[in-house]
PDB file of all heavy atoms in Angstrom:
ATOM      1  N   GLU A   1       0.833  -1.204   0.000  1.00  0.00           N
ATOM      2  CA  GLU A   1       0.000   0.000   0.000  1.00  0.00           C
ATOM      3  C   GLU A   1       0.868   1.253   0.000  1.00  0.00           C
ATOM      4  O   GLU A   1       0.568   2.231  -0.677  1.00  0.00           O
ATOM      5  CB  GLU A   1      -0.904   0.006   1.231  1.00  0.00           C
ATOM      6  CG  GLU A   1      -1.914  -1.114   1.249  1.00  0.00           C
ATOM      7  CD  GLU A   1      -2.592  -1.266   2.604  1.00  0.00           C
ATOM      8  OE1 GLU A   1      -2.314  -0.469   3.534  1.00  0.00           O
ATOM      9  OE2 GLU A   1      -3.402  -2.202   2.740  1.00  0.00           O
ATOM     10  N   ASP A   2       1.943   1.233   0.793  1.00  0.00           N
ATOM     11  CA  ASP A   2       2.801   2.396   0.981  1.00  0.00           C
ATOM     12  C   ASP A   2       4.236   1.907   1.178  1.00  0.00           C
ATOM     13  O   ASP A   2       4.525   1.198   2.141  1.00  0.00           O
ATOM     14  CB  ASP A   2       2.316   3.180   2.202  1.00  0.00           C
ATOM     15  CG  ASP A   2       3.169   4.381   2.501  1.00  0.00           C
ATOM     16  OD1 ASP A   2       4.265   4.204   3.077  1.00  0.00           O
ATOM     17  OD2 ASP A   2       2.754   5.503   2.165  1.00  0.00           O
ATOM     18  N   LEU A   3       5.133   2.291   0.280  1.00  0.00           N
ATOM     19  CA  LEU A   3       6.512   1.791   0.314  1.00  0.00           C
ATOM     20  C   LEU A   3       7.232   2.175   1.609  1.00  0.00           C
ATOM     21  O   LEU A   3       7.928   1.344   2.203  1.00  0.00           O
ATOM     22  CB  LEU A   3       7.292   2.299  -0.899  1.00  0.00           C
ATOM     23  CG  LEU A   3       8.709   1.756  -1.051  1.00  0.00           C
ATOM     24  CD1 LEU A   3       8.708   0.248  -1.244  1.00  0.00           C
ATOM     25  CD2 LEU A   3       9.418   2.443  -2.212  1.00  0.00           C
ATOM     26  N   ALA A   4       7.070   3.405   2.077  1.00  0.00           N
ATOM     27  CA  ALA A   4       7.759   3.845   3.296  1.00  0.00           C
ATOM     28  C   ALA A   4       7.289   3.046   4.514  1.00  0.00           C
ATOM     29  O   ALA A   4       8.109   2.633   5.350  1.00  0.00           O
ATOM     30  CB  ALA A   4       7.541   5.339   3.513  1.00  0.00           C
ATOM     31  N   LYS A   5       5.992   2.809   4.616  1.00  0.00           N
ATOM     32  CA  LYS A   5       5.446   2.017   5.726  1.00  0.00           C
ATOM     33  C   LYS A   5       5.994   0.593   5.662  1.00  0.00           C
ATOM     34  O   LYS A   5       6.438   0.040   6.670  1.00  0.00           O
ATOM     35  CB  LYS A   5       3.921   1.996   5.647  1.00  0.00           C
ATOM     36  CG  LYS A   5       3.259   1.102   6.667  1.00  0.00           C
ATOM     37  CD  LYS A   5       1.756   1.064   6.472  1.00  0.00           C
ATOM     38  CE  LYS A   5       1.104   0.052   7.370  1.00  0.00           C
ATOM     39  NZ  LYS A   5      -0.335  -0.033   7.139  1.00  0.00           N
ATOM     40  N   TRP A   6       5.968  -0.013   4.473  1.00  0.00           N
ATOM     41  CA  TRP A   6       6.485  -1.370   4.324  1.00  0.00           C
ATOM     42  C   TRP A   6       7.951  -1.434   4.726  1.00  0.00           C
ATOM     43  O   TRP A   6       8.365  -2.332   5.459  1.00  0.00           O
ATOM     44  CB  TRP A   6       6.326  -1.855   2.880  1.00  0.00           C
ATOM     45  CG  TRP A   6       7.147  -3.068   2.648  1.00  0.00           C
ATOM     46  CD1 TRP A   6       6.827  -4.353   2.976  1.00  0.00           C
ATOM     47  CD2 TRP A   6       8.468  -3.110   2.117  1.00  0.00           C
ATOM     48  NE1 TRP A   6       7.877  -5.188   2.674  1.00  0.00           N
ATOM     49  CE2 TRP A   6       8.897  -4.448   2.146  1.00  0.00           C
ATOM     50  CE3 TRP A   6       9.347  -2.143   1.616  1.00  0.00           C
ATOM     51  CZ2 TRP A   6      10.148  -4.848   1.712  1.00  0.00           C
ATOM     52  CZ3 TRP A   6      10.590  -2.537   1.172  1.00  0.00           C
ATOM     53  CH2 TRP A   6      10.977  -3.879   1.216  1.00  0.00           C
ATOM     54  N   LYS A   7       8.755  -0.482   4.277  1.00  0.00           N
ATOM     55  CA  LYS A   7      10.198  -0.495   4.543  1.00  0.00           C
ATOM     56  C   LYS A   7      10.484  -0.463   6.039  1.00  0.00           C
ATOM     57  O   LYS A   7      11.354  -1.189   6.533  1.00  0.00           O
ATOM     58  CB  LYS A   7      10.868   0.686   3.848  1.00  0.00           C
ATOM     59  CG  LYS A   7      12.375   0.659   3.922  1.00  0.00           C
ATOM     60  CD  LYS A   7      12.968   1.786   3.083  1.00  0.00           C
ATOM     61  CE  LYS A   7      14.468   1.767   3.109  1.00  0.00           C
ATOM     62  NZ  LYS A   7      15.039   2.623   4.117  1.00  0.00           N
ATOM     63  N   THR A   8       9.743   0.342   6.781  1.00  0.00           N
ATOM     64  CA  THR A   8       9.921   0.419   8.230  1.00  0.00           C
ATOM     65  C   THR A   8       9.672  -0.934   8.881  1.00  0.00           C
ATOM     66  O   THR A   8      10.477  -1.417   9.680  1.00  0.00           O
ATOM     67  CB  THR A   8       8.982   1.485   8.832  1.00  0.00           C
ATOM     68  OG1 THR A   8       9.329   2.754   8.271  1.00  0.00           O
ATOM     69  CG2 THR A   8       9.093   1.537  10.338  1.00  0.00           C
ATOM     70  N   VAL A   9       8.559  -1.571   8.544  1.00  0.00           N
ATOM     71  CA  VAL A   9       8.225  -2.877   9.130  1.00  0.00           C
ATOM     72  C   VAL A   9       9.228  -3.930   8.687  1.00  0.00           C
ATOM     73  O   VAL A   9       9.666  -4.762   9.482  1.00  0.00           O
ATOM     74  CB  VAL A   9       6.784  -3.295   8.769  1.00  0.00           C
ATOM     75  CG1 VAL A   9       6.472  -4.705   9.262  1.00  0.00           C
ATOM     76  CG2 VAL A   9       5.782  -2.292   9.325  1.00  0.00           C
ATOM     77  N   PHE A  10       9.642  -3.886   7.432  1.00  0.00           N
ATOM     78  CA  PHE A  10      10.603  -4.860   6.910  1.00  0.00           C
ATOM     79  C   PHE A  10      11.930  -4.763   7.666  1.00  0.00           C
ATOM     80  O   PHE A  10      12.508  -5.778   8.048  1.00  0.00           O
ATOM     81  CB  PHE A  10      10.820  -4.621   5.415  1.00  0.00           C
ATOM     82  CG  PHE A  10      11.680  -5.651   4.762  1.00  0.00           C
ATOM     83  CD1 PHE A  10      11.195  -6.916   4.492  1.00  0.00           C
ATOM     84  CD2 PHE A  10      12.988  -5.353   4.410  1.00  0.00           C
ATOM     85  CE1 PHE A  10      11.993  -7.881   3.885  1.00  0.00           C
ATOM     86  CE2 PHE A  10      13.792  -6.301   3.795  1.00  0.00           C
ATOM     87  CZ  PHE A  10      13.294  -7.565   3.540  1.00  0.00           C
ATOM     88  N   GLU A  11      12.397  -3.545   7.903  1.00  0.00           N
ATOM     89  CA  GLU A  11      13.645  -3.371   8.646  1.00  0.00           C
ATOM     90  C   GLU A  11      13.502  -3.845  10.086  1.00  0.00           C
ATOM     91  O   GLU A  11      14.418  -4.447  10.641  1.00  0.00           O
ATOM     92  CB  GLU A  11      14.087  -1.911   8.583  1.00  0.00           C
ATOM     93  CG  GLU A  11      14.563  -1.516   7.196  1.00  0.00           C
ATOM     94  CD  GLU A  11      14.800  -0.023   7.024  1.00  0.00           C
ATOM     95  OE1 GLU A  11      14.392   0.783   7.906  1.00  0.00           O
ATOM     96  OE2 GLU A  11      15.395   0.350   5.989  1.00  0.00           O
ATOM     97  N   GLU A  12      12.345  -3.613  10.697  1.00  0.00           N
ATOM     98  CA  GLU A  12      12.099  -4.066  12.073  1.00  0.00           C
ATOM     99  C   GLU A  12      12.058  -5.585  12.180  1.00  0.00           C
ATOM    100  O   GLU A  12      12.306  -6.143  13.252  1.00  0.00           O
ATOM    101  CB  GLU A  12      10.785  -3.479  12.598  1.00  0.00           C
ATOM    102  CG  GLU A  12      10.831  -1.980  12.814  1.00  0.00           C
ATOM    103  CD  GLU A  12       9.460  -1.382  13.110  1.00  0.00           C
ATOM    104  OE1 GLU A  12       8.435  -2.116  13.017  1.00  0.00           O
ATOM    105  OE2 GLU A  12       9.401  -0.180  13.414  1.00  0.00           O
ATOM    106  N   ALA A  13      11.743  -6.271  11.091  1.00  0.00           N
ATOM    107  CA  ALA A  13      11.625  -7.738  11.100  1.00  0.00           C
ATOM    108  C   ALA A  13      12.956  -8.446  10.848  1.00  0.00           C
ATOM    109  O   ALA A  13      12.977  -9.659  10.646  1.00  0.00           O
ATOM    110  CB  ALA A  13      10.591  -8.177  10.063  1.00  0.00           C
ATOM    111  N   ALA A  14      14.060  -7.735  10.903  1.00  0.00           N
ATOM    112  CA  ALA A  14      15.373  -8.336  10.637  1.00  0.00           C
ATOM    113  C   ALA A  14      15.657  -9.511  11.565  1.00  0.00           C
ATOM    114  O   ALA A  14      16.196 -10.541  11.130  1.00  0.00           O
ATOM    115  CB  ALA A  14      16.470  -7.287  10.751  1.00  0.00           C
ATOM    116  N   ASP A  15      15.300  -9.398  12.839  1.00  0.00           N
ATOM    117  CA  ASP A  15      15.562 -10.487  13.778  1.00  0.00           C
ATOM    118  C   ASP A  15      14.759 -11.738  13.441  1.00  0.00           C
ATOM    119  O   ASP A  15      15.232 -12.854  13.659  1.00  0.00           O
ATOM    120  CB  ASP A  15      15.267 -10.048  15.214  1.00  0.00           C
ATOM    121  CG  ASP A  15      16.323  -9.080  15.747  1.00  0.00           C
ATOM    122  OD1 ASP A  15      17.444  -9.050  15.202  1.00  0.00           O
ATOM    123  OD2 ASP A  15      16.015  -8.350  16.716  1.00  0.00           O
ATOM    124  N   VAL A  16      13.557 -11.551  12.919  1.00  0.00           N
ATOM    125  CA  VAL A  16      12.752 -12.708  12.505  1.00  0.00           C
ATOM    126  C   VAL A  16      13.472 -13.428  11.364  1.00  0.00           C
ATOM    127  O   VAL A  16      13.647 -14.647  11.399  1.00  0.00           O
ATOM    128  CB  VAL A  16      11.328 -12.282  12.062  1.00  0.00           C
ATOM    129  CG1 VAL A  16      10.578 -13.456  11.438  1.00  0.00           C
ATOM    130  CG2 VAL A  16      10.558 -11.704  13.235  1.00  0.00           C
ATOM    131  N   ARG A  17      13.916 -12.676  10.353  1.00  0.00           N
ATOM    132  CA  ARG A  17      14.633 -13.290   9.230  1.00  0.00           C
ATOM    133  C   ARG A  17      15.895 -13.993   9.708  1.00  0.00           C
ATOM    134  O   ARG A  17      16.174 -15.125   9.317  1.00  0.00           O
ATOM    135  CB  ARG A  17      14.957 -12.237   8.166  1.00  0.00           C
ATOM    136  CG  ARG A  17      13.741 -11.754   7.411  1.00  0.00           C
ATOM    137  CD  ARG A  17      14.113 -10.871   6.227  1.00  0.00           C
ATOM    138  NE  ARG A  17      14.877  -9.689   6.605  1.00  0.00           N
ATOM    139  CZ  ARG A  17      14.330  -8.552   7.045  1.00  0.00           C
ATOM    140  NH1 ARG A  17      13.020  -8.458   7.169  1.00  0.00           N
ATOM    141  NH2 ARG A  17      15.092  -7.515   7.347  1.00  0.00           N
ATOM    142  N   LYS A  18      16.660 -13.331  10.565  1.00  0.00           N
ATOM    143  CA  LYS A  18      17.899 -13.922  11.085  1.00  0.00           C
ATOM    144  C   LYS A  18      17.611 -15.215  11.834  1.00  0.00           C
ATOM    145  O   LYS A  18      18.371 -16.177  11.741  1.00  0.00           O
ATOM    146  CB  LYS A  18      18.629 -12.935  11.983  1.00  0.00           C
ATOM    147  CG  LYS A  18      19.286 -11.810  11.225  1.00  0.00           C
ATOM    148  CD  LYS A  18      19.967 -10.838  12.183  1.00  0.00           C
ATOM    149  CE  LYS A  18      20.471  -9.613  11.440  1.00  0.00           C
ATOM    150  NZ  LYS A  18      21.037  -8.623  12.368  1.00  0.00           N
ATOM    151  N   GLY A  19      16.522 -15.239  12.581  1.00  0.00           N
ATOM    152  CA  GLY A  19      16.146 -16.436  13.329  1.00  0.00           C
ATOM    153  C   GLY A  19      15.849 -17.627  12.432  1.00  0.00           C
ATOM    154  O   GLY A  19      15.944 -18.777  12.868  1.00  0.00           O
ATOM    155  N   PHE A  20      15.510 -17.373  11.190  1.00  0.00           N
ATOM    156  CA  PHE A  20      15.239 -18.443  10.229  1.00  0.00           C
ATOM    157  C   PHE A  20      16.398 -18.634   9.254  1.00  0.00           C
ATOM    158  O   PHE A  20      16.237 -19.248   8.210  1.00  0.00           O
ATOM    159  CB  PHE A  20      13.938 -18.164   9.473  1.00  0.00           C
ATOM    160  CG  PHE A  20      12.696 -18.430  10.288  1.00  0.00           C
ATOM    161  CD1 PHE A  20      12.052 -17.394  10.958  1.00  0.00           C
ATOM    162  CD2 PHE A  20      12.192 -19.712  10.400  1.00  0.00           C
ATOM    163  CE1 PHE A  20      10.910 -17.633  11.704  1.00  0.00           C
ATOM    164  CE2 PHE A  20      11.052 -19.968  11.150  1.00  0.00           C
ATOM    165  CZ  PHE A  20      10.410 -18.923  11.807  1.00  0.00           C
ATOM    166  N   GLY A  21      17.568 -18.084   9.582  1.00  0.00           N
ATOM    167  CA  GLY A  21      18.757 -18.352   8.781  1.00  0.00           C
ATOM    168  C   GLY A  21      19.072 -17.362   7.682  1.00  0.00           C
ATOM    169  O   GLY A  21      19.901 -17.653   6.816  1.00  0.00           O
ATOM    170  N   SER A  22      18.453 -16.174   7.711  1.00  0.00           N
ATOM    171  CA  SER A  22      18.762 -15.178   6.687  1.00  0.00           C
ATOM    172  C   SER A  22      20.220 -14.758   6.789  1.00  0.00           C
ATOM    173  O   SER A  22      20.735 -14.480   7.862  1.00  0.00           O
ATOM    174  CB  SER A  22      17.868 -13.947   6.852  1.00  0.00           C
ATOM    175  OG  SER A  22      18.283 -12.920   5.960  1.00  0.00           O
ATOM    176  N   MET A  23      20.857 -14.688   5.631  1.00  0.00           N
ATOM    177  CA  MET A  23      22.235 -14.231   5.552  1.00  0.00           C
ATOM    178  C   MET A  23      22.302 -12.848   4.900  1.00  0.00           C
ATOM    179  O   MET A  23      23.380 -12.343   4.618  1.00  0.00           O
ATOM    180  CB  MET A  23      23.054 -15.249   4.768  1.00  0.00           C
ATOM    181  CG  MET A  23      23.064 -16.622   5.432  1.00  0.00           C
ATOM    182  SD  MET A  23      23.732 -17.926   4.395  1.00  0.00           S
ATOM    183  CE  MET A  23      25.403 -17.351   4.167  1.00  0.00           C
ATOM    184  N   GLY A  24      21.159 -12.259   4.646  1.00  0.00           N
ATOM    185  CA  GLY A  24      21.080 -10.928   4.052  1.00  0.00           C
ATOM    186  C   GLY A  24      20.000 -10.860   2.995  1.00  0.00           C
ATOM    187  O   GLY A  24      19.634 -11.877   2.403  1.00  0.00           O
ATOM    188  N   VAL A  25      19.491  -9.674   2.790  1.00  0.00           N
ATOM    189  CA  VAL A  25      18.444  -9.445   1.793  1.00  0.00           C
ATOM    190  C   VAL A  25      18.720  -8.143   1.056  1.00  0.00           C
ATOM    191  O   VAL A  25      19.360  -7.238   1.583  1.00  0.00           O
ATOM    192  CB  VAL A  25      17.034  -9.383   2.432  1.00  0.00           C
ATOM    193  CG1 VAL A  25      16.631 -10.714   3.014  1.00  0.00           C
ATOM    194  CG2 VAL A  25      16.968  -8.300   3.486  1.00  0.00           C
ATOM    195  N   ARG A  26      18.227  -8.084  -0.153  1.00  0.00           N
ATOM    196  CA  ARG A  26      18.258  -6.859  -0.948  1.00  0.00           C
ATOM    197  C   ARG A  26      16.840  -6.607  -1.430  1.00  0.00           C
ATOM    198  O   ARG A  26      16.163  -7.526  -1.884  1.00  0.00           O
ATOM    199  CB  ARG A  26      19.192  -7.013  -2.142  1.00  0.00           C
ATOM    200  CG  ARG A  26      20.639  -7.222  -1.712  1.00  0.00           C
ATOM    201  CD  ARG A  26      21.532  -7.453  -2.883  1.00  0.00           C
ATOM    202  NE  ARG A  26      21.795  -6.146  -3.511  1.00  0.00           N
ATOM    203  CZ  ARG A  26      22.536  -6.008  -4.595  1.00  0.00           C
ATOM    204  NH1 ARG A  26      23.061  -7.055  -5.191  1.00  0.00           N
ATOM    205  NH2 ARG A  26      22.748  -4.819  -5.104  1.00  0.00           N
ATOM    206  N   GLY A  27      16.407  -5.354  -1.326  1.00  0.00           N
ATOM    207  CA  GLY A  27      15.060  -5.004  -1.729  1.00  0.00           C
ATOM    208  C   GLY A  27      15.077  -4.022  -2.881  1.00  0.00           C
ATOM    209  O   GLY A  27      15.931  -3.135  -2.942  1.00  0.00           O
ATOM    210  N   PHE A  28      14.127  -4.185  -3.786  1.00  0.00           N
ATOM    211  CA  PHE A  28      14.017  -3.341  -4.969  1.00  0.00           C
ATOM    212  C   PHE A  28      12.557  -2.966  -5.166  1.00  0.00           C
ATOM    213  O   PHE A  28      11.667  -3.757  -4.867  1.00  0.00           O
ATOM    214  CB  PHE A  28      14.484  -4.097  -6.224  1.00  0.00           C
ATOM    215  CG  PHE A  28      15.856  -4.688  -6.091  1.00  0.00           C
ATOM    216  CD1 PHE A  28      16.028  -5.966  -5.561  1.00  0.00           C
ATOM    217  CD2 PHE A  28      16.976  -3.993  -6.507  1.00  0.00           C
ATOM    218  CE1 PHE A  28      17.287  -6.521  -5.438  1.00  0.00           C
ATOM    219  CE2 PHE A  28      18.243  -4.542  -6.395  1.00  0.00           C
ATOM    220  CZ  PHE A  28      18.402  -5.809  -5.858  1.00  0.00           C
ATOM    221  N   SER A  29      12.328  -1.769  -5.708  1.00  0.00           N
ATOM    222  CA  SER A  29      10.984  -1.433  -6.147  1.00  0.00           C
ATOM    223  C   SER A  29      11.042  -1.209  -7.650  1.00  0.00           C
ATOM    224  O   SER A  29      12.074  -0.827  -8.201  1.00  0.00           O
ATOM    225  CB  SER A  29      10.437  -0.189  -5.428  1.00  0.00           C
ATOM    226  OG  SER A  29      11.180   0.951  -5.755  1.00  0.00           O
ATOM    227  N   LYS A  30       9.936  -1.478  -8.278  1.00  0.00           N
ATOM    228  CA  LYS A  30       9.865  -1.381  -9.732  1.00  0.00           C
ATOM    229  C   LYS A  30       9.916   0.084 -10.170  1.00  0.00           C
ATOM    230  O   LYS A  30       9.186   0.923  -9.642  1.00  0.00           O
ATOM    231  CB  LYS A  30       8.572  -2.036 -10.228  1.00  0.00           C
ATOM    232  CG  LYS A  30       8.466  -2.140 -11.722  1.00  0.00           C
ATOM    233  CD  LYS A  30       7.221  -2.925 -12.097  1.00  0.00           C
ATOM    234  CE  LYS A  30       7.067  -3.034 -13.589  1.00  0.00           C
ATOM    235  NZ  LYS A  30       5.857  -3.778 -13.936  1.00  0.00           N
ATOM    236  N   SER A  31      10.791   0.381 -11.106  1.00  0.00           N
ATOM    237  CA  SER A  31      10.895   1.741 -11.644  1.00  0.00           C
ATOM    238  C   SER A  31       9.561   2.157 -12.231  1.00  0.00           C
ATOM    239  O   SER A  31       8.967   1.431 -13.018  1.00  0.00           O
ATOM    240  CB  SER A  31      11.952   1.764 -12.748  1.00  0.00           C
ATOM    241  OG  SER A  31      12.979   2.629 -12.442  1.00  0.00           O
ATOM    242  N   GLY A  32       9.075   3.313 -11.811  1.00  0.00           N
ATOM    243  CA  GLY A  32       7.811   3.805 -12.313  1.00  0.00           C
ATOM    244  C   GLY A  32       6.601   3.263 -11.568  1.00  0.00           C
ATOM    245  O   GLY A  32       5.480   3.704 -11.785  1.00  0.00           O
ATOM    246  N   SER A  33       6.809   2.271 -10.712  1.00  0.00           N
ATOM    247  CA  SER A  33       5.725   1.679  -9.928  1.00  0.00           C
ATOM    248  C   SER A  33       6.300   1.264  -8.571  1.00  0.00           C
ATOM    249  O   SER A  33       6.474   0.074  -8.290  1.00  0.00           O
ATOM    250  CB  SER A  33       5.138   0.468 -10.672  1.00  0.00           C
ATOM    251  OG  SER A  33       4.003  -0.017 -10.013  1.00  0.00           O
ATOM    252  N   PRO A  34       6.619   2.242  -7.712  1.00  0.00           N
ATOM    253  CA  PRO A  34       7.366   1.968  -6.488  1.00  0.00           C
ATOM    254  C   PRO A  34       6.681   1.063  -5.474  1.00  0.00           C
ATOM    255  O   PRO A  34       7.352   0.535  -4.590  1.00  0.00           O
ATOM    256  CB  PRO A  34       7.611   3.361  -5.895  1.00  0.00           C
ATOM    257  CG  PRO A  34       6.556   4.220  -6.488  1.00  0.00           C
ATOM    258  CD  PRO A  34       6.270   3.654  -7.851  1.00  0.00           C
ATOM    259  N   ASN A  35       5.402   0.844  -5.602  1.00  0.00           N
ATOM    260  CA  ASN A  35       4.728  -0.041  -4.657  1.00  0.00           C
ATOM    261  C   ASN A  35       4.823  -1.510  -5.052  1.00  0.00           C
ATOM    262  O   ASN A  35       4.344  -2.379  -4.329  1.00  0.00           O
ATOM    263  CB  ASN A  35       3.273   0.373  -4.473  1.00  0.00           C
ATOM    264  CG  ASN A  35       3.161   1.687  -3.717  1.00  0.00           C
ATOM    265  OD1 ASN A  35       4.140   2.201  -3.192  1.00  0.00           O
ATOM    266  ND2 ASN A  35       1.978   2.240  -3.671  1.00  0.00           N
ATOM    267  N   GLU A  36       5.430  -1.793  -6.198  1.00  0.00           N
ATOM    268  CA  GLU A  36       5.716  -3.176  -6.587  1.00  0.00           C
ATOM    269  C   GLU A  36       7.136  -3.482  -6.126  1.00  0.00           C
ATOM    270  O   GLU A  36       8.090  -2.846  -6.552  1.00  0.00           O
ATOM    271  CB  GLU A  36       5.585  -3.357  -8.089  1.00  0.00           C
ATOM    272  CG  GLU A  36       4.158  -3.229  -8.570  1.00  0.00           C
ATOM    273  CD  GLU A  36       4.029  -3.490 -10.060  1.00  0.00           C
ATOM    274  OE1 GLU A  36       4.599  -4.496 -10.548  1.00  0.00           O
ATOM    275  OE2 GLU A  36       3.376  -2.673 -10.734  1.00  0.00           O
ATOM    276  N   VAL A  37       7.266  -4.455  -5.226  1.00  0.00           N
ATOM    277  CA  VAL A  37       8.524  -4.726  -4.541  1.00  0.00           C
ATOM    278  C   VAL A  37       9.018  -6.129  -4.865  1.00  0.00           C
ATOM    279  O   VAL A  37       8.235  -7.074  -4.986  1.00  0.00           O
ATOM    280  CB  VAL A  37       8.343  -4.568  -3.009  1.00  0.00           C
ATOM    281  CG1 VAL A  37       9.623  -4.884  -2.266  1.00  0.00           C
ATOM    282  CG2 VAL A  37       7.861  -3.161  -2.675  1.00  0.00           C
ATOM    283  N   VAL A  38      10.341  -6.239  -4.988  1.00  0.00           N
ATOM    284  CA  VAL A  38      11.002  -7.529  -5.173  1.00  0.00           C
ATOM    285  C   VAL A  38      12.119  -7.623  -4.134  1.00  0.00           C
ATOM    286  O   VAL A  38      12.904  -6.689  -3.970  1.00  0.00           O
ATOM    287  CB  VAL A  38      11.608  -7.665  -6.590  1.00  0.00           C
ATOM    288  CG1 VAL A  38      12.385  -8.969  -6.724  1.00  0.00           C
ATOM    289  CG2 VAL A  38      10.523  -7.578  -7.642  1.00  0.00           C
ATOM    290  N   ILE A  39      12.170  -8.725  -3.438  1.00  0.00           N
ATOM    291  CA  ILE A  39      13.212  -8.980  -2.443  1.00  0.00           C
ATOM    292  C   ILE A  39      14.033 -10.174  -2.910  1.00  0.00           C
ATOM    293  O   ILE A  39      13.468 -11.191  -3.337  1.00  0.00           O
ATOM    294  CB  ILE A  39      12.587  -9.325  -1.060  1.00  0.00           C
ATOM    295  CG1 ILE A  39      11.695  -8.202  -0.571  1.00  0.00           C
ATOM    296  CG2 ILE A  39      13.675  -9.668  -0.044  1.00  0.00           C
ATOM    297  CD1 ILE A  39      12.391  -6.912  -0.308  1.00  0.00           C
ATOM    298  N   LEU A  40      15.337 -10.063  -2.805  1.00  0.00           N
ATOM    299  CA  LEU A  40      16.224 -11.196  -3.051  1.00  0.00           C
ATOM    300  C   LEU A  40      16.925 -11.486  -1.737  1.00  0.00           C
ATOM    301  O   LEU A  40      17.667 -10.654  -1.218  1.00  0.00           O
ATOM    302  CB  LEU A  40      17.245 -10.888  -4.147  1.00  0.00           C
ATOM    303  CG  LEU A  40      18.232 -12.016  -4.444  1.00  0.00           C
ATOM    304  CD1 LEU A  40      17.504 -13.276  -4.928  1.00  0.00           C
ATOM    305  CD2 LEU A  40      19.254 -11.562  -5.466  1.00  0.00           C
ATOM    306  N   GLY A  41      16.644 -12.649  -1.175  1.00  0.00           N
ATOM    307  CA  GLY A  41      17.221 -13.041   0.103  1.00  0.00           C
ATOM    308  C   GLY A  41      18.133 -14.237  -0.038  1.00  0.00           C
ATOM    309  O   GLY A  41      17.967 -15.057  -0.938  1.00  0.00           O
ATOM    310  N   GLU A  42      19.092 -14.307   0.857  1.00  0.00           N
ATOM    311  CA  GLU A  42      20.037 -15.429   0.891  1.00  0.00           C
ATOM    312  C   GLU A  42      19.859 -16.113   2.248  1.00  0.00           C
ATOM    313  O   GLU A  42      19.910 -15.454   3.293  1.00  0.00           O
ATOM    314  CB  GLU A  42      21.450 -14.877   0.738  1.00  0.00           C
ATOM    315  CG  GLU A  42      22.517 -15.914   0.634  1.00  0.00           C
ATOM    316  CD  GLU A  42      23.888 -15.283   0.379  1.00  0.00           C
ATOM    317  OE1 GLU A  42      23.973 -14.083   0.047  1.00  0.00           O
ATOM    318  OE2 GLU A  42      24.876 -16.019   0.528  1.00  0.00           O
ATOM    319  N   TYR A  43      19.648 -17.425   2.212  1.00  0.00           N
ATOM    320  CA  TYR A  43      19.392 -18.180   3.438  1.00  0.00           C
ATOM    321  C   TYR A  43      20.335 -19.369   3.530  1.00  0.00           C
ATOM    322  O   TYR A  43      20.719 -19.962   2.521  1.00  0.00           O
ATOM    323  CB  TYR A  43      17.933 -18.670   3.468  1.00  0.00           C
ATOM    324  CG  TYR A  43      16.972 -17.539   3.721  1.00  0.00           C
ATOM    325  CD1 TYR A  43      16.569 -16.691   2.681  1.00  0.00           C
ATOM    326  CD2 TYR A  43      16.504 -17.283   4.994  1.00  0.00           C
ATOM    327  CE1 TYR A  43      15.727 -15.629   2.921  1.00  0.00           C
ATOM    328  CE2 TYR A  43      15.645 -16.213   5.234  1.00  0.00           C
ATOM    329  CZ  TYR A  43      15.273 -15.398   4.201  1.00  0.00           C
ATOM    330  OH  TYR A  43      14.433 -14.334   4.433  1.00  0.00           O
ATOM    331  N   ALA A  44      20.669 -19.719   4.753  1.00  0.00           N
ATOM    332  CA  ALA A  44      21.584 -20.826   4.990  1.00  0.00           C
ATOM    333  C   ALA A  44      20.956 -22.169   4.645  1.00  0.00           C
ATOM    334  O   ALA A  44      21.654 -23.094   4.226  1.00  0.00           O
ATOM    335  CB  ALA A  44      22.045 -20.818   6.453  1.00  0.00           C
ATOM    336  N   ASP A  45      19.638 -22.262   4.793  1.00  0.00           N
ATOM    337  CA  ASP A  45      18.975 -23.558   4.658  1.00  0.00           C
ATOM    338  C   ASP A  45      17.583 -23.369   4.059  1.00  0.00           C
ATOM    339  O   ASP A  45      16.796 -22.550   4.551  1.00  0.00           O
ATOM    340  CB  ASP A  45      18.870 -24.193   6.055  1.00  0.00           C
ATOM    341  CG  ASP A  45      18.166 -25.515   6.053  1.00  0.00           C
ATOM    342  OD1 ASP A  45      18.794 -26.520   5.682  1.00  0.00           O
ATOM    343  OD2 ASP A  45      16.969 -25.538   6.421  1.00  0.00           O
ATOM    344  N   LYS A  46      17.278 -24.124   3.021  1.00  0.00           N
ATOM    345  CA  LYS A  46      15.975 -23.999   2.358  1.00  0.00           C
ATOM    346  C   LYS A  46      14.826 -24.350   3.300  1.00  0.00           C
ATOM    347  O   LYS A  46      13.802 -23.669   3.320  1.00  0.00           O
ATOM    348  CB  LYS A  46      15.919 -24.893   1.118  1.00  0.00           C
ATOM    349  CG  LYS A  46      14.609 -24.775   0.364  1.00  0.00           C
ATOM    350  CD  LYS A  46      14.583 -25.652  -0.871  1.00  0.00           C
ATOM    351  CE  LYS A  46      13.258 -25.528  -1.607  1.00  0.00           C
ATOM    352  NZ  LYS A  46      13.218 -26.400  -2.796  1.00  0.00           N
ATOM    353  N   GLY A  47      14.989 -25.396   4.091  1.00  0.00           N
ATOM    354  CA  GLY A  47      13.928 -25.814   5.002  1.00  0.00           C
ATOM    355  C   GLY A  47      13.566 -24.729   6.002  1.00  0.00           C
ATOM    356  O   GLY A  47      12.386 -24.462   6.251  1.00  0.00           O
ATOM    357  N   LYS A  48      14.580 -24.090   6.580  1.00  0.00           N
ATOM    358  CA  LYS A  48      14.316 -23.016   7.538  1.00  0.00           C
ATOM    359  C   LYS A  48      13.688 -21.806   6.852  1.00  0.00           C
ATOM    360  O   LYS A  48      12.813 -21.156   7.407  1.00  0.00           O
ATOM    361  CB  LYS A  48      15.606 -22.626   8.255  1.00  0.00           C
ATOM    362  CG  LYS A  48      16.049 -23.663   9.281  1.00  0.00           C
ATOM    363  CD  LYS A  48      17.263 -23.216  10.033  1.00  0.00           C
ATOM    364  CE  LYS A  48      16.838 -22.221  11.094  1.00  0.00           C
ATOM    365  NZ  LYS A  48      17.928 -21.849  12.007  1.00  0.00           N
TER     366      LYS A  48
END
């Protein structure tokens, strides 16, 4: 709904991602349509 609101919550959820094995994430919004978001994450384990 709102990119700034989403970004705040996404950054606050870092500990949740880390708890499931996140090794880092990169976020992108679509040029010309900033509310369309793509995240590329790297995880230690697919199951987690």
